[in-house]
Amino acid sequence: MIGRVANFPSAWEEVDRRGFNHNIDGANSPTGRITFGDLARSYEQPALPKLAATTQQTARHIIDHYLIPRWGREAAVDIRALDIENWLGSHSLANPTNPPPR
């Protein structure tokens, strides 16, 4: 979460502070809107280098092989949390931090 709409100017300051690229204009998108893929790629640049090497590999794998193929071309503002929740629930990927119930 970056900030409330009422604090929009300071929200962009927070975006800058975190090092995210907010100069994405959606120009490469057929619809002219920012896509999930645009956002994912702008996240990778500042965030992944701060992670451990093995975590970087895992994050890139998830982004490249799961998130971008499914959500990459979707306009970011059109993606609903419930859509993502349902999509995640359709995968049988294990959560390494929570062992399966017995």
C-alpha atoms as a PDB file:
ATOM      1  CA  MET A   1       0.000   0.000   0.000  1.00  0.00           C
ATOM      2  CA  ILE A   2       1.420   3.354  -1.015  1.00  0.00           C
ATOM      3  CA  GLY A   3      -1.093   5.749   0.440  1.00  0.00           C
ATOM      4  CA  ARG A   4      -4.624   7.079   0.420  1.00  0.00           C
ATOM      5  CA  VAL A   5      -6.090   8.846  -2.578  1.00  0.00           C
ATOM      6  CA  ALA A   6      -6.516  11.960  -0.419  1.00  0.00           C
ATOM      7  CA  ASN A   7      -2.737  12.017  -0.028  1.00  0.00           C
ATOM      8  CA  PHE A   8      -2.017  11.371  -3.684  1.00  0.00           C
ATOM      9  CA  PRO A   9       0.957  13.761  -4.021  1.00  0.00           C
ATOM     10  CA  SER A  10       2.630  12.225  -0.982  1.00  0.00           C
ATOM     11  CA  ALA A  11       1.816   8.748  -2.317  1.00  0.00           C
ATOM     12  CA  TRP A  12       4.079   9.476  -5.308  1.00  0.00           C
ATOM     13  CA  GLU A  13       6.777  10.594  -2.871  1.00  0.00           C
ATOM     14  CA  GLU A  14       6.483   7.173  -1.234  1.00  0.00           C
ATOM     15  CA  VAL A  15       6.711   5.499  -4.630  1.00  0.00           C
ATOM     16  CA  ASP A  16       9.927   7.463  -5.251  1.00  0.00           C
ATOM     17  CA  ARG A  17      11.267   6.667  -1.774  1.00  0.00           C
ATOM     18  CA  ARG A  18      10.794   2.950  -2.412  1.00  0.00           C
ATOM     19  CA  GLY A  19      12.571   3.264  -5.742  1.00  0.00           C
ATOM     20  CA  PHE A  20       9.669   2.116  -7.896  1.00  0.00           C
ATOM     21  CA  ASN A  21       9.347   3.399 -11.429  1.00  0.00           C
ATOM     22  CA  HIS A  22       6.179   5.481 -11.616  1.00  0.00           C
ATOM     23  CA  ASN A  23       6.970   6.824 -15.065  1.00  0.00           C
ATOM     24  CA  ILE A  24       5.141   3.913 -16.661  1.00  0.00           C
ATOM     25  CA  ASP A  25       2.706   5.348 -19.169  1.00  0.00           C
ATOM     26  CA  GLY A  26       1.216   2.262 -20.769  1.00  0.00           C
ATOM     27  CA  ALA A  27       2.437   3.443 -24.184  1.00  0.00           C
ATOM     28  CA  ASN A  28       3.516  -0.083 -25.125  1.00  0.00           C
ATOM     29  CA  SER A  29       0.147  -1.535 -24.242  1.00  0.00           C
ATOM     30  CA  PRO A  30      -2.431  -1.960 -27.026  1.00  0.00           C
ATOM     31  CA  THR A  31      -5.002  -0.247 -24.799  1.00  0.00           C
ATOM     32  CA  GLY A  32      -2.688   2.561 -23.658  1.00  0.00           C
ATOM     33  CA  ARG A  33      -3.234   1.485 -20.045  1.00  0.00           C
ATOM     34  CA  ILE A  34      -0.665   0.275 -17.541  1.00  0.00           C
ATOM     35  CA  THR A  35      -0.643  -3.499 -17.482  1.00  0.00           C
ATOM     36  CA  PHE A  36       0.159  -5.882 -14.673  1.00  0.00           C
ATOM     37  CA  GLY A  37       3.272  -6.810 -16.658  1.00  0.00           C
ATOM     38  CA  ASP A  38       4.394  -3.161 -16.700  1.00  0.00           C
ATOM     39  CA  LEU A  39       4.030  -3.017 -12.934  1.00  0.00           C
ATOM     40  CA  ALA A  40       5.770  -6.335 -12.385  1.00  0.00           C
ATOM     41  CA  ARG A  41       8.761  -5.260 -14.470  1.00  0.00           C
ATOM     42  CA  SER A  42       8.979  -1.900 -12.686  1.00  0.00           C
ATOM     43  CA  TYR A  43       8.986  -3.803  -9.365  1.00  0.00           C
ATOM     44  CA  GLU A  44      11.817  -6.092 -10.426  1.00  0.00           C
ATOM     45  CA  GLN A  45      14.361  -3.343 -11.062  1.00  0.00           C
ATOM     46  CA  PRO A  46      14.575  -1.831  -7.559  1.00  0.00           C
ATOM     47  CA  ALA A  47      13.266  -4.681  -5.418  1.00  0.00           C
ATOM     48  CA  LEU A  48      14.925  -7.893  -6.595  1.00  0.00           C
ATOM     49  CA  PRO A  49      18.561  -6.782  -6.152  1.00  0.00           C
ATOM     50  CA  LYS A  50      17.820  -6.232  -2.456  1.00  0.00           C
ATOM     51  CA  LEU A  51      16.935  -9.918  -2.014  1.00  0.00           C
ATOM     52  CA  ALA A  52      19.230 -12.889  -1.446  1.00  0.00           C
ATOM     53  CA  ALA A  53      20.401 -14.537  -4.671  1.00  0.00           C
ATOM     54  CA  THR A  54      18.236 -17.638  -4.237  1.00  0.00           C
ATOM     55  CA  THR A  55      15.208 -15.512  -3.377  1.00  0.00           C
ATOM     56  CA  GLN A  56      15.849 -13.420  -6.508  1.00  0.00           C
ATOM     57  CA  GLN A  57      15.806 -16.589  -8.605  1.00  0.00           C
ATOM     58  CA  THR A  58      12.564 -17.749  -7.009  1.00  0.00           C
ATOM     59  CA  ALA A  59      10.887 -14.361  -7.423  1.00  0.00           C
ATOM     60  CA  ARG A  60      11.950 -14.108 -11.080  1.00  0.00           C
ATOM     61  CA  HIS A  61      10.660 -17.640 -11.703  1.00  0.00           C
ATOM     62  CA  ILE A  62       7.277 -16.818 -10.178  1.00  0.00           C
ATOM     63  CA  ILE A  63       7.026 -13.539 -12.083  1.00  0.00           C
ATOM     64  CA  ASP A  64       8.184 -14.990 -15.422  1.00  0.00           C
ATOM     65  CA  HIS A  65       6.458 -18.377 -15.329  1.00  0.00           C
ATOM     66  CA  TYR A  66       3.247 -17.728 -13.414  1.00  0.00           C
ATOM     67  CA  LEU A  67       2.320 -14.075 -13.005  1.00  0.00           C
ATOM     68  CA  ILE A  68       3.270 -12.548 -16.362  1.00  0.00           C
ATOM     69  CA  PRO A  69       1.791 -15.372 -18.474  1.00  0.00           C
ATOM     70  CA  ARG A  70      -1.540 -15.110 -16.647  1.00  0.00           C
ATOM     71  CA  TRP A  71      -1.840 -11.423 -15.724  1.00  0.00           C
ATOM     72  CA  GLY A  72       0.820  -9.618 -17.788  1.00  0.00           C
ATOM     73  CA  ARG A  73      -1.453  -8.194 -20.496  1.00  0.00           C
ATOM     74  CA  GLU A  74      -4.318  -7.301 -18.169  1.00  0.00           C
ATOM     75  CA  ALA A  75      -4.856  -3.624 -17.376  1.00  0.00           C
ATOM     76  CA  ALA A  76      -3.711  -3.325 -13.774  1.00  0.00           C
ATOM     77  CA  VAL A  77      -6.768  -1.330 -12.698  1.00  0.00           C
ATOM     78  CA  ASP A  78      -9.106  -4.029 -14.026  1.00  0.00           C
ATOM     79  CA  ILE A  79      -7.672  -6.879 -11.952  1.00  0.00           C
ATOM     80  CA  ARG A  80      -9.820  -7.667  -8.941  1.00  0.00           C
ATOM     81  CA  ALA A  81      -8.402  -9.206  -5.781  1.00  0.00           C
ATOM     82  CA  LEU A  82     -11.022 -11.977  -6.001  1.00  0.00           C
ATOM     83  CA  ASP A  83      -9.793 -12.877  -9.514  1.00  0.00           C
ATOM     84  CA  ILE A  84      -6.274 -13.338  -8.187  1.00  0.00           C
ATOM     85  CA  GLU A  85      -7.484 -15.231  -5.121  1.00  0.00           C
ATOM     86  CA  ASN A  86      -9.471 -17.652  -7.280  1.00  0.00           C
ATOM     87  CA  TRP A  87      -6.544 -18.098  -9.658  1.00  0.00           C
ATOM     88  CA  LEU A  88      -4.151 -18.797  -6.780  1.00  0.00           C
ATOM     89  CA  GLY A  89      -6.624 -21.298  -5.340  1.00  0.00           C
ATOM     90  CA  SER A  90      -6.640 -23.181  -8.638  1.00  0.00           C
ATOM     91  CA  HIS A  91      -2.918 -24.004  -8.272  1.00  0.00           C
ATOM     92  CA  SER A  92      -1.626 -26.795  -6.121  1.00  0.00           C
ATOM     93  CA  LEU A  93       1.546 -24.932  -5.198  1.00  0.00           C
ATOM     94  CA  ALA A  94       2.711 -25.663  -1.691  1.00  0.00           C
ATOM     95  CA  ASN A  95       3.251 -22.877   0.825  1.00  0.00           C
ATOM     96  CA  PRO A  96       6.699 -23.628   2.264  1.00  0.00           C
ATOM     97  CA  THR A  97       5.974 -21.740   5.479  1.00  0.00           C
ATOM     98  CA  ASN A  98       2.793 -23.651   6.305  1.00  0.00           C
ATOM     99  CA  PRO A  99       3.002 -27.444   6.395  1.00  0.00           C
ATOM    100  CA  PRO A 100      -0.059 -29.261   5.047  1.00  0.00           C
ATOM    101  CA  PRO A 101      -2.625 -30.332   7.655  1.00  0.00           C
ATOM    102  CA  ARG A 102      -2.469 -33.923   8.833  1.00  0.00           C
END
